[in-house]
Every structure is written in structure tokens, then in C-alpha cells.
Amino acid sequence: MKRNLLLTAIMIFSLQLASGAAVSVDKTLTQDYMLNNGYSKQIYDTVNVARARALGEEYFSSEELEYRNANWAQRCWQRFRKYIDPAQDDFSFYHHDTQNKPSIHDL
């Protein structure tokens, strides 16, 4: 009896494991899937940056696209705010190439 109960428990547990494997890798990289599973929008952008770098493509986050599509006055104001407050994101994280020699842009 104990053996049958143990085998039944193992079978039920293994069936539950197989049902969780039905999600493809491409589906796990979509924004809807990541946001619905508790990840932030920043993590979604970071994952897509890593994926684009692996594929040799250039990736622009949604905030960067907003900045690029803004008019001249808004871009100047945002550049000034980034100059005053170094904690503001200047989108150099996504497009920074690591070099062996330090430069002024690393500061």
C-alpha cells in the first residue's frame, strides 16, 4: 500500500513538472510575459539589450526612443538635467563598449 501511494505521488508530481515546460523561450522574452510574472520594465529592457548584443543588433529602450523623438527644447532641457544630476540615466549603459584603456567617458 505504501509503495502504491508513493508511486502515485511520484507520478502526480512528475505530471505537474511536465506541464510547466510548455512555455517557449521566445514567449518568455516578451514584455507581457515578463511583466505578468513580476519582472520590471527595466529588467525587460536589460534582457533585450543582452539579446540584441548577442545577435549583433542595436537596441533602443522605450525611454531612449522617447528622448530621441522629443523636440529640440525638450532634449536640451533633459541634457541639462543630466549634466546637473549625475544619477539621471543618460542611456550610456546600453551602448557603452568596454575598453581596456580608461578614458574620460568612464568617469
PDB file of N, CA and C in Angstrom:
ATOM      1  N   MET A   1       0.815  -1.197   0.000  1.00  0.00           N
ATOM      2  CA  MET A   1       0.000   0.000   0.000  1.00  0.00           C
ATOM      3  C   MET A   1       0.863   1.267   0.000  1.00  0.00           C
ATOM      4  N   LYS A   2       1.908   1.220   0.838  1.00  0.00           N
ATOM      5  CA  LYS A   2       2.795   2.386   0.898  1.00  0.00           C
ATOM      6  C   LYS A   2       3.495   2.594  -0.442  1.00  0.00           C
ATOM      7  N   ARG A   3       3.867   1.478  -1.074  1.00  0.00           N
ATOM      8  CA  ARG A   3       4.551   1.567  -2.354  1.00  0.00           C
ATOM      9  C   ARG A   3       3.632   2.159  -3.415  1.00  0.00           C
ATOM     10  N   ASN A   4       2.383   1.737  -3.451  1.00  0.00           N
ATOM     11  CA  ASN A   4       1.425   2.268  -4.416  1.00  0.00           C
ATOM     12  C   ASN A   4       1.166   3.754  -4.178  1.00  0.00           C
ATOM     13  N   LEU A   5       1.061   4.141  -2.935  1.00  0.00           N
ATOM     14  CA  LEU A   5       0.852   5.557  -2.597  1.00  0.00           C
ATOM     15  C   LEU A   5       2.067   6.389  -3.005  1.00  0.00           C
ATOM     16  N   LEU A   6       3.265   5.860  -2.767  1.00  0.00           N
ATOM     17  CA  LEU A   6       4.482   6.560  -3.144  1.00  0.00           C
ATOM     18  C   LEU A   6       4.588   6.686  -4.661  1.00  0.00           C
ATOM     19  N   LEU A   7       4.300   5.629  -5.394  1.00  0.00           N
ATOM     20  CA  LEU A   7       4.346   5.691  -6.855  1.00  0.00           C
ATOM     21  C   LEU A   7       3.301   6.646  -7.412  1.00  0.00           C
ATOM     22  N   THR A   8       2.120   6.672  -6.816  1.00  0.00           N
ATOM     23  CA  THR A   8       1.083   7.607  -7.248  1.00  0.00           C
ATOM     24  C   THR A   8       1.521   9.043  -7.001  1.00  0.00           C
ATOM     25  N   ALA A   9       2.129   9.308  -5.854  1.00  0.00           N
ATOM     26  CA  ALA A   9       2.608  10.664  -5.541  1.00  0.00           C
ATOM     27  C   ALA A   9       3.709  11.081  -6.507  1.00  0.00           C
ATOM     28  N   ILE A  10       4.616  10.162  -6.829  1.00  0.00           N
ATOM     29  CA  ILE A  10       5.689  10.482  -7.778  1.00  0.00           C
ATOM     30  C   ILE A  10       5.120  10.749  -9.168  1.00  0.00           C
ATOM     31  N   MET A  11       4.132   9.963  -9.571  1.00  0.00           N
ATOM     32  CA  MET A  11       3.528  10.161 -10.888  1.00  0.00           C
ATOM     33  C   MET A  11       2.806  11.503 -10.966  1.00  0.00           C
ATOM     34  N   ILE A  12       2.071  11.864  -9.950  1.00  0.00           N
ATOM     35  CA  ILE A  12       1.361  13.147  -9.935  1.00  0.00           C
ATOM     36  C   ILE A  12       2.363  14.301  -9.953  1.00  0.00           C
ATOM     37  N   PHE A  13       3.437  14.173  -9.187  1.00  0.00           N
ATOM     38  CA  PHE A  13       4.457  15.223  -9.157  1.00  0.00           C
ATOM     39  C   PHE A  13       5.142  15.361 -10.514  1.00  0.00           C
ATOM     40  N   SER A  14       5.444  14.248 -11.172  1.00  0.00           N
ATOM     41  CA  SER A  14       6.114  14.324 -12.472  1.00  0.00           C
ATOM     42  C   SER A  14       5.194  14.878 -13.550  1.00  0.00           C
ATOM     43  N   LEU A  15       3.900  14.648 -13.468  1.00  0.00           N
ATOM     44  CA  LEU A  15       2.968  15.230 -14.424  1.00  0.00           C
ATOM     45  C   LEU A  15       2.902  16.742 -14.285  1.00  0.00           C
ATOM     46  N   GLN A  16       2.997  17.236 -13.066  1.00  0.00           N
ATOM     47  CA  GLN A  16       2.975  18.681 -12.854  1.00  0.00           C
ATOM     48  C   GLN A  16       4.242  19.331 -13.391  1.00  0.00           C
ATOM     49  N   LEU A  17       5.367  18.661 -13.298  1.00  0.00           N
ATOM     50  CA  LEU A  17       6.607  19.212 -13.839  1.00  0.00           C
ATOM     51  C   LEU A  17       6.553  19.325 -15.355  1.00  0.00           C
ATOM     52  N   ALA A  18       5.988  18.355 -16.014  1.00  0.00           N
ATOM     53  CA  ALA A  18       5.924  18.376 -17.470  1.00  0.00           C
ATOM     54  C   ALA A  18       5.004  19.480 -17.978  1.00  0.00           C
ATOM     55  N   SER A  19       3.965  19.782 -17.240  1.00  0.00           N
ATOM     56  CA  SER A  19       3.043  20.816 -17.702  1.00  0.00           C
ATOM     57  C   SER A  19       3.649  22.210 -17.606  1.00  0.00           C
ATOM     58  N   GLY A  20       4.627  22.424 -16.734  1.00  0.00           N
ATOM     59  CA  GLY A  20       5.261  23.725 -16.609  1.00  0.00           C
ATOM     60  C   GLY A  20       6.274  24.009 -17.700  1.00  0.00           C
ATOM     61  N   ALA A  21       6.645  23.013 -18.481  1.00  0.00           N
ATOM     62  CA  ALA A  21       7.665  23.176 -19.503  1.00  0.00           C
ATOM     63  C   ALA A  21       7.091  23.537 -20.871  1.00  0.00           C
ATOM     64  N   ALA A  22       5.845  23.942 -20.929  1.00  0.00           N
ATOM     65  CA  ALA A  22       5.196  24.197 -22.209  1.00  0.00           C
ATOM     66  C   ALA A  22       5.435  25.616 -22.726  1.00  0.00           C
ATOM     67  N   VAL A  23       6.196  26.451 -22.028  1.00  0.00           N
ATOM     68  CA  VAL A  23       6.437  27.830 -22.442  1.00  0.00           C
ATOM     69  C   VAL A  23       7.739  27.872 -23.240  1.00  0.00           C
ATOM     70  N   SER A  24       7.685  28.455 -24.432  1.00  0.00           N
ATOM     71  CA  SER A  24       8.883  28.531 -25.266  1.00  0.00           C
ATOM     72  C   SER A  24       9.768  29.692 -24.819  1.00  0.00           C
ATOM     73  N   VAL A  25      11.001  29.668 -25.268  1.00  0.00           N
ATOM     74  CA  VAL A  25      11.953  30.717 -24.904  1.00  0.00           C
ATOM     75  C   VAL A  25      11.529  32.057 -25.501  1.00  0.00           C
ATOM     76  N   ASP A  26      11.042  32.040 -26.725  1.00  0.00           N
ATOM     77  CA  ASP A  26      10.609  33.282 -27.355  1.00  0.00           C
ATOM     78  C   ASP A  26       9.456  33.925 -26.597  1.00  0.00           C
ATOM     79  N   LYS A  27       8.578  33.110 -26.037  1.00  0.00           N
ATOM     80  CA  LYS A  27       7.450  33.656 -25.282  1.00  0.00           C
ATOM     81  C   LYS A  27       7.909  34.261 -23.960  1.00  0.00           C
ATOM     82  N   THR A  28       8.944  33.687 -23.348  1.00  0.00           N
ATOM     83  CA  THR A  28       9.419  34.213 -22.078  1.00  0.00           C
ATOM     84  C   THR A  28      10.130  35.549 -22.225  1.00  0.00           C
ATOM     85  N   LEU A  29      10.520  35.924 -23.436  1.00  0.00           N
ATOM     86  CA  LEU A  29      11.213  37.194 -23.650  1.00  0.00           C
ATOM     87  C   LEU A  29      10.279  38.324 -24.050  1.00  0.00           C
ATOM     88  N   THR A  30       8.976  38.071 -24.130  1.00  0.00           N
ATOM     89  CA  THR A  30       8.037  39.131 -24.478  1.00  0.00           C
ATOM     90  C   THR A  30       7.771  40.015 -23.262  1.00  0.00           C
ATOM     91  N   GLN A  31       7.401  41.253 -23.521  1.00  0.00           N
ATOM     92  CA  GLN A  31       7.172  42.200 -22.432  1.00  0.00           C
ATOM     93  C   GLN A  31       5.967  41.799 -21.588  1.00  0.00           C
ATOM     94  N   ASP A  32       4.899  41.335 -22.207  1.00  0.00           N
ATOM     95  CA  ASP A  32       3.720  40.931 -21.453  1.00  0.00           C
ATOM     96  C   ASP A  32       4.034  39.790 -20.497  1.00  0.00           C
ATOM     97  N   TYR A  33       4.767  38.798 -20.962  1.00  0.00           N
ATOM     98  CA  TYR A  33       5.086  37.645 -20.122  1.00  0.00           C
ATOM     99  C   TYR A  33       5.936  38.077 -18.932  1.00  0.00           C
ATOM    100  N   MET A  34       6.942  38.909 -19.184  1.00  0.00           N
ATOM    101  CA  MET A  34       7.838  39.314 -18.091  1.00  0.00           C
ATOM    102  C   MET A  34       7.121  40.193 -17.073  1.00  0.00           C
ATOM    103  N   LEU A  35       6.293  41.116 -17.540  1.00  0.00           N
ATOM    104  CA  LEU A  35       5.570  41.972 -16.601  1.00  0.00           C
ATOM    105  C   LEU A  35       4.540  41.180 -15.805  1.00  0.00           C
ATOM    106  N   ASN A  36       3.882  40.210 -16.421  1.00  0.00           N
ATOM    107  CA  ASN A  36       2.895  39.391 -15.708  1.00  0.00           C
ATOM    108  C   ASN A  36       3.528  38.440 -14.710  1.00  0.00           C
ATOM    109  N   ASN A  37       4.807  38.141 -14.850  1.00  0.00           N
ATOM    110  CA  ASN A  37       5.489  37.246 -13.920  1.00  0.00           C
ATOM    111  C   ASN A  37       6.336  37.992 -12.894  1.00  0.00           C
ATOM    112  N   GLY A  38       6.114  39.284 -12.736  1.00  0.00           N
ATOM    113  CA  GLY A  38       6.725  40.026 -11.642  1.00  0.00           C
ATOM    114  C   GLY A  38       8.013  40.747 -11.969  1.00  0.00           C
ATOM    115  N   TYR A  39       8.449  40.759 -13.208  1.00  0.00           N
ATOM    116  CA  TYR A  39       9.661  41.478 -13.577  1.00  0.00           C
ATOM    117  C   TYR A  39       9.314  42.918 -13.941  1.00  0.00           C
ATOM    118  N   SER A  40      10.277  43.815 -13.748  1.00  0.00           N
ATOM    119  CA  SER A  40      10.041  45.219 -14.050  1.00  0.00           C
ATOM    120  C   SER A  40      10.340  45.507 -15.515  1.00  0.00           C
ATOM    121  N   LYS A  41       9.953  46.705 -15.938  1.00  0.00           N
ATOM    122  CA  LYS A  41      10.204  47.127 -17.314  1.00  0.00           C
ATOM    123  C   LYS A  41      11.707  47.296 -17.562  1.00  0.00           C
ATOM    124  N   GLN A  42      12.433  47.665 -16.515  1.00  0.00           N
ATOM    125  CA  GLN A  42      13.888  47.823 -16.638  1.00  0.00           C
ATOM    126  C   GLN A  42      14.560  46.476 -16.893  1.00  0.00           C
ATOM    127  N   ILE A  43      14.097  45.430 -16.249  1.00  0.00           N
ATOM    128  CA  ILE A  43      14.646  44.096 -16.489  1.00  0.00           C
ATOM    129  C   ILE A  43      14.342  43.660 -17.915  1.00  0.00           C
ATOM    130  N   TYR A  44      13.135  43.977 -18.387  1.00  0.00           N
ATOM    131  CA  TYR A  44      12.783  43.650 -19.774  1.00  0.00           C
ATOM    132  C   TYR A  44      13.750  44.331 -20.744  1.00  0.00           C
ATOM    133  N   ASP A  45      14.052  45.608 -20.514  1.00  0.00           N
ATOM    134  CA  ASP A  45      14.997  46.319 -21.385  1.00  0.00           C
ATOM    135  C   ASP A  45      16.398  45.725 -21.288  1.00  0.00           C
ATOM    136  N   THR A  46      16.830  45.347 -20.078  1.00  0.00           N
ATOM    137  CA  THR A  46      18.156  44.776 -19.892  1.00  0.00           C
ATOM    138  C   THR A  46      18.286  43.430 -20.611  1.00  0.00           C
ATOM    139  N   VAL A  47      17.242  42.609 -20.533  1.00  0.00           N
ATOM    140  CA  VAL A  47      17.255  41.315 -21.226  1.00  0.00           C
ATOM    141  C   VAL A  47      17.322  41.534 -22.737  1.00  0.00           C
ATOM    142  N   ASN A  48      16.568  42.489 -23.236  1.00  0.00           N
ATOM    143  CA  ASN A  48      16.584  42.749 -24.672  1.00  0.00           C
ATOM    144  C   ASN A  48      17.901  43.355 -25.133  1.00  0.00           C
ATOM    145  N   VAL A  49      18.566  44.114 -24.279  1.00  0.00           N
ATOM    146  CA  VAL A  49      19.890  44.634 -24.622  1.00  0.00           C
ATOM    147  C   VAL A  49      20.870  43.474 -24.763  1.00  0.00           C
ATOM    148  N   ALA A  50      20.848  42.542 -23.817  1.00  0.00           N
ATOM    149  CA  ALA A  50      21.746  41.388 -23.889  1.00  0.00           C
ATOM    150  C   ALA A  50      21.437  40.541 -25.118  1.00  0.00           C
ATOM    151  N   ARG A  51      20.167  40.380 -25.422  1.00  0.00           N
ATOM    152  CA  ARG A  51      19.778  39.596 -26.601  1.00  0.00           C
ATOM    153  C   ARG A  51      20.221  40.304 -27.892  1.00  0.00           C
ATOM    154  N   ALA A  52      20.035  41.615 -27.963  1.00  0.00           N
ATOM    155  CA  ALA A  52      20.439  42.364 -29.159  1.00  0.00           C
ATOM    156  C   ALA A  52      21.950  42.346 -29.335  1.00  0.00           C
ATOM    157  N   ARG A  53      22.692  42.436 -28.236  1.00  0.00           N
ATOM    158  CA  ARG A  53      24.156  42.374 -28.344  1.00  0.00           C
ATOM    159  C   ARG A  53      24.606  41.006 -28.832  1.00  0.00           C
ATOM    160  N   ALA A  54      23.944  39.954 -28.367  1.00  0.00           N
ATOM    161  CA  ALA A  54      24.311  38.600 -28.813  1.00  0.00           C
ATOM    162  C   ALA A  54      24.021  38.415 -30.298  1.00  0.00           C
ATOM    163  N   LEU A  55      22.971  39.067 -30.781  1.00  0.00           N
ATOM    164  CA  LEU A  55      22.617  38.958 -32.194  1.00  0.00           C
ATOM    165  C   LEU A  55      23.326  39.987 -33.065  1.00  0.00           C
ATOM    166  N   GLY A  56      24.085  40.893 -32.438  1.00  0.00           N
ATOM    167  CA  GLY A  56      24.802  41.925 -33.193  1.00  0.00           C
ATOM    168  C   GLY A  56      23.907  43.051 -33.656  1.00  0.00           C
ATOM    169  N   GLU A  57      22.805  43.291 -32.952  1.00  0.00           N
ATOM    170  CA  GLU A  57      21.873  44.352 -33.311  1.00  0.00           C
ATOM    171  C   GLU A  57      21.974  45.491 -32.309  1.00  0.00           C
ATOM    172  N   GLU A  58      21.427  46.632 -32.687  1.00  0.00           N
ATOM    173  CA  GLU A  58      21.387  47.774 -31.772  1.00  0.00           C
ATOM    174  C   GLU A  58      19.984  47.856 -31.177  1.00  0.00           C
ATOM    175  N   TYR A  59      19.907  48.115 -29.885  1.00  0.00           N
ATOM    176  CA  TYR A  59      18.620  48.163 -29.198  1.00  0.00           C
ATOM    177  C   TYR A  59      18.445  49.517 -28.535  1.00  0.00           C
ATOM    178  N   PHE A  60      17.265  50.089 -28.670  1.00  0.00           N
ATOM    179  CA  PHE A  60      16.933  51.345 -28.009  1.00  0.00           C
ATOM    180  C   PHE A  60      15.762  51.103 -27.077  1.00  0.00           C
ATOM    181  N   SER A  61      15.918  51.479 -25.814  1.00  0.00           N
ATOM    182  CA  SER A  61      14.840  51.293 -24.845  1.00  0.00           C
ATOM    183  C   SER A  61      13.712  52.275 -25.136  1.00  0.00           C
ATOM    184  N   SER A  62      12.580  52.058 -24.502  1.00  0.00           N
ATOM    185  CA  SER A  62      11.428  52.926 -24.754  1.00  0.00           C
ATOM    186  C   SER A  62      11.701  54.353 -24.268  1.00  0.00           C
ATOM    187  N   GLU A  63      12.435  54.500 -23.149  1.00  0.00           N
ATOM    188  CA  GLU A  63      12.773  55.843 -22.670  1.00  0.00           C
ATOM    189  C   GLU A  63      13.718  56.548 -23.641  1.00  0.00           C
ATOM    190  N   GLU A  64      14.638  55.793 -24.220  1.00  0.00           N
ATOM    191  CA  GLU A  64      15.567  56.396 -25.167  1.00  0.00           C
ATOM    192  C   GLU A  64      14.859  56.800 -26.457  1.00  0.00           C
ATOM    193  N   LEU A  65      13.905  56.003 -26.886  1.00  0.00           N
ATOM    194  CA  LEU A  65      13.136  56.377 -28.066  1.00  0.00           C
ATOM    195  C   LEU A  65      12.303  57.631 -27.811  1.00  0.00           C
ATOM    196  N   GLU A  66      11.766  57.757 -26.587  1.00  0.00           N
ATOM    197  CA  GLU A  66      11.043  58.983 -26.215  1.00  0.00           C
ATOM    198  C   GLU A  66      11.969  60.185 -26.292  1.00  0.00           C
ATOM    199  N   TYR A  67      13.192  60.021 -25.771  1.00  0.00           N
ATOM    200  CA  TYR A  67      14.169  61.104 -25.793  1.00  0.00           C
ATOM    201  C   TYR A  67      14.549  61.478 -27.229  1.00  0.00           C
ATOM    202  N   ARG A  68      14.749  60.484 -28.077  1.00  0.00           N
ATOM    203  CA  ARG A  68      15.131  60.748 -29.467  1.00  0.00           C
ATOM    204  C   ARG A  68      14.001  61.413 -30.255  1.00  0.00           C
ATOM    205  N   ASN A  69      12.751  61.102 -29.910  1.00  0.00           N
ATOM    206  CA  ASN A  69      11.618  61.668 -30.638  1.00  0.00           C
ATOM    207  C   ASN A  69      11.145  63.007 -30.080  1.00  0.00           C
ATOM    208  N   ALA A  70      11.756  63.450 -28.970  1.00  0.00           N
ATOM    209  CA  ALA A  70      11.362  64.733 -28.375  1.00  0.00           C
ATOM    210  C   ALA A  70      11.876  65.883 -29.232  1.00  0.00           C
ATOM    211  N   ASN A  71      11.266  67.049 -29.043  1.00  0.00           N
ATOM    212  CA  ASN A  71      11.720  68.201 -29.824  1.00  0.00           C
ATOM    213  C   ASN A  71      13.030  68.754 -29.250  1.00  0.00           C
ATOM    214  N   TRP A  72      13.593  69.740 -29.940  1.00  0.00           N
ATOM    215  CA  TRP A  72      14.907  70.256 -29.598  1.00  0.00           C
ATOM    216  C   TRP A  72      14.953  70.829 -28.183  1.00  0.00           C
ATOM    217  N   ALA A  73      13.955  71.586 -27.777  1.00  0.00           N
ATOM    218  CA  ALA A  73      13.955  72.219 -26.455  1.00  0.00           C
ATOM    219  C   ALA A  73      13.885  71.170 -25.345  1.00  0.00           C
ATOM    220  N   GLN A  74      13.073  70.146 -25.528  1.00  0.00           N
ATOM    221  CA  GLN A  74      12.976  69.103 -24.514  1.00  0.00           C
ATOM    222  C   GLN A  74      14.288  68.334 -24.371  1.00  0.00           C
ATOM    223  N   ARG A  75      14.948  68.056 -25.495  1.00  0.00           N
ATOM    224  CA  ARG A  75      16.229  67.353 -25.419  1.00  0.00           C
ATOM    225  C   ARG A  75      17.286  68.208 -24.720  1.00  0.00           C
ATOM    226  N   CYS A  76      17.294  69.508 -24.988  1.00  0.00           N
ATOM    227  CA  CYS A  76      18.254  70.392 -24.316  1.00  0.00           C
ATOM    228  C   CYS A  76      17.993  70.432 -22.819  1.00  0.00           C
ATOM    229  N   TRP A  77      16.727  70.520 -22.432  1.00  0.00           N
ATOM    230  CA  TRP A  77      16.381  70.538 -21.015  1.00  0.00           C
ATOM    231  C   TRP A  77      16.788  69.223 -20.342  1.00  0.00           C
ATOM    232  N   GLN A  78      16.539  68.098 -21.004  1.00  0.00           N
ATOM    233  CA  GLN A  78      16.918  66.812 -20.418  1.00  0.00           C
ATOM    234  C   GLN A  78      18.430  66.662 -20.327  1.00  0.00           C
ATOM    235  N   ARG A  79      19.165  67.122 -21.340  1.00  0.00           N
ATOM    236  CA  ARG A  79      20.625  67.087 -21.270  1.00  0.00           C
ATOM    237  C   ARG A  79      21.148  67.944 -20.121  1.00  0.00           C
ATOM    238  N   PHE A  80      20.540  69.124 -19.907  1.00  0.00           N
ATOM    239  CA  PHE A  80      20.944  69.989 -18.813  1.00  0.00           C
ATOM    240  C   PHE A  80      20.679  69.312 -17.468  1.00  0.00           C
ATOM    241  N   ARG A  81      19.509  68.679 -17.319  1.00  0.00           N
ATOM    242  CA  ARG A  81      19.187  67.973 -16.069  1.00  0.00           C
ATOM    243  C   ARG A  81      20.158  66.819 -15.812  1.00  0.00           C
ATOM    244  N   LYS A  82      20.555  66.128 -16.884  1.00  0.00           N
ATOM    245  CA  LYS A  82      21.507  65.026 -16.735  1.00  0.00           C
ATOM    246  C   LYS A  82      22.902  65.538 -16.387  1.00  0.00           C
ATOM    247  N   TYR A  83      23.231  66.715 -16.865  1.00  0.00           N
ATOM    248  CA  TYR A  83      24.524  67.308 -16.533  1.00  0.00           C
ATOM    249  C   TYR A  83      24.566  67.726 -15.067  1.00  0.00           C
ATOM    250  N   ILE A  84      23.465  68.285 -14.564  1.00  0.00           N
ATOM    251  CA  ILE A  84      23.400  68.728 -13.169  1.00  0.00           C
ATOM    252  C   ILE A  84      23.316  67.541 -12.213  1.00  0.00           C
ATOM    253  N   ASP A  85      22.503  66.556 -12.547  1.00  0.00           N
ATOM    254  CA  ASP A  85      22.293  65.403 -11.675  1.00  0.00           C
ATOM    255  C   ASP A  85      22.890  64.153 -12.332  1.00  0.00           C
ATOM    256  N   PRO A  86      24.048  63.690 -11.854  1.00  0.00           N
ATOM    257  CA  PRO A  86      24.675  62.533 -12.486  1.00  0.00           C
ATOM    258  C   PRO A  86      23.908  61.223 -12.290  1.00  0.00           C
ATOM    259  N   ALA A  87      22.917  61.211 -11.422  1.00  0.00           N
ATOM    260  CA  ALA A  87      22.128  59.993 -11.212  1.00  0.00           C
ATOM    261  C   ALA A  87      21.095  59.786 -12.318  1.00  0.00           C
ATOM    262  N   GLN A  88      20.856  60.808 -13.122  1.00  0.00           N
ATOM    263  CA  GLN A  88      19.910  60.669 -14.235  1.00  0.00           C
ATOM    264  C   GLN A  88      20.495  59.726 -15.292  1.00  0.00           C
ATOM    265  N   ASP A  89      19.632  58.944 -15.900  1.00  0.00           N
ATOM    266  CA  ASP A  89      20.073  58.000 -16.921  1.00  0.00           C
ATOM    267  C   ASP A  89      20.366  58.732 -18.221  1.00  0.00           C
ATOM    268  N   ASP A  90      21.595  58.563 -18.729  1.00  0.00           N
ATOM    269  CA  ASP A  90      21.953  59.194 -19.994  1.00  0.00           C
ATOM    270  C   ASP A  90      22.050  58.177 -21.130  1.00  0.00           C
ATOM    271  N   PHE A  91      21.543  56.979 -20.913  1.00  0.00           N
ATOM    272  CA  PHE A  91      21.467  55.901 -21.898  1.00  0.00           C
ATOM    273  C   PHE A  91      22.835  55.406 -22.348  1.00  0.00           C
ATOM    274  N   SER A  92      23.881  55.724 -21.595  1.00  0.00           N
ATOM    275  CA  SER A  92      25.199  55.214 -21.968  1.00  0.00           C
ATOM    276  C   SER A  92      25.398  53.775 -21.499  1.00  0.00           C
ATOM    277  N   PHE A  93      24.563  53.306 -20.574  1.00  0.00           N
ATOM    278  CA  PHE A  93      24.685  51.923 -20.097  1.00  0.00           C
ATOM    279  C   PHE A  93      24.418  50.932 -21.217  1.00  0.00           C
ATOM    280  N   TYR A  94      23.427  51.213 -22.022  1.00  0.00           N
ATOM    281  CA  TYR A  94      23.051  50.291 -23.086  1.00  0.00           C
ATOM    282  C   TYR A  94      24.059  50.267 -24.224  1.00  0.00           C
ATOM    283  N   HIS A  95      24.719  51.372 -24.473  1.00  0.00           N
ATOM    284  CA  HIS A  95      25.568  51.493 -25.660  1.00  0.00           C
ATOM    285  C   HIS A  95      27.038  51.678 -25.321  1.00  0.00           C
ATOM    286  N   HIS A  96      27.425  51.329 -24.121  1.00  0.00           N
ATOM    287  CA  HIS A  96      28.807  51.505 -23.693  1.00  0.00           C
ATOM    288  C   HIS A  96      29.622  50.280 -24.093  1.00  0.00           C
ATOM    289  N   ASP A  97      30.688  50.495 -24.836  1.00  0.00           N
ATOM    290  CA  ASP A  97      31.610  49.419 -25.194  1.00  0.00           C
ATOM    291  C   ASP A  97      32.758  49.420 -24.194  1.00  0.00           C
ATOM    292  N   THR A  98      33.021  48.288 -23.583  1.00  0.00           N
ATOM    293  CA  THR A  98      34.085  48.187 -22.600  1.00  0.00           C
ATOM    294  C   THR A  98      35.439  48.165 -23.307  1.00  0.00           C
ATOM    295  N   GLN A  99      36.304  49.076 -22.901  1.00  0.00           N
ATOM    296  CA  GLN A  99      37.642  49.170 -23.474  1.00  0.00           C
ATOM    297  C   GLN A  99      38.670  48.813 -22.404  1.00  0.00           C
ATOM    298  N   ASN A 100      39.839  48.354 -22.829  1.00  0.00           N
ATOM    299  CA  ASN A 100      40.900  48.008 -21.877  1.00  0.00           C
ATOM    300  C   ASN A 100      41.558  49.242 -21.280  1.00  0.00           C
ATOM    301  N   LYS A 101      41.586  50.339 -22.040  1.00  0.00           N
ATOM    302  CA  LYS A 101      42.223  51.559 -21.558  1.00  0.00           C
ATOM    303  C   LYS A 101      41.153  52.502 -21.016  1.00  0.00           C
ATOM    304  N   PRO A 102      41.352  53.070 -19.827  1.00  0.00           N
ATOM    305  CA  PRO A 102      40.363  54.007 -19.290  1.00  0.00           C
ATOM    306  C   PRO A 102      40.346  55.312 -20.074  1.00  0.00           C
ATOM    307  N   SER A 103      39.180  55.936 -20.103  1.00  0.00           N
ATOM    308  CA  SER A 103      39.038  57.214 -20.797  1.00  0.00           C
ATOM    309  C   SER A 103      38.207  58.155 -19.944  1.00  0.00           C
ATOM    310  N   ILE A 104      38.048  59.368 -20.417  1.00  0.00           N
ATOM    311  CA  ILE A 104      37.288  60.379 -19.687  1.00  0.00           C
ATOM    312  C   ILE A 104      35.814  60.017 -19.620  1.00  0.00           C
ATOM    313  N   HIS A 105      35.309  59.240 -20.562  1.00  0.00           N
ATOM    314  CA  HIS A 105      33.896  58.865 -20.585  1.00  0.00           C
ATOM    315  C   HIS A 105      33.550  57.804 -19.549  1.00  0.00           C
ATOM    316  N   ASP A 106      34.553  57.185 -18.922  1.00  0.00           N
ATOM    317  CA  ASP A 106      34.304  56.190 -17.888  1.00  0.00           C
ATOM    318  C   ASP A 106      33.996  56.827 -16.542  1.00  0.00           C
ATOM    319  N   LEU A 107      34.258  58.107 -16.389  1.00  0.00           N
ATOM    320  CA  LEU A 107      34.039  58.787 -15.105  1.00  0.00           C
ATOM    321  C   LEU A 107      32.590  59.023 -14.827  1.00  0.00           C
TER     322      LEU A 107
END
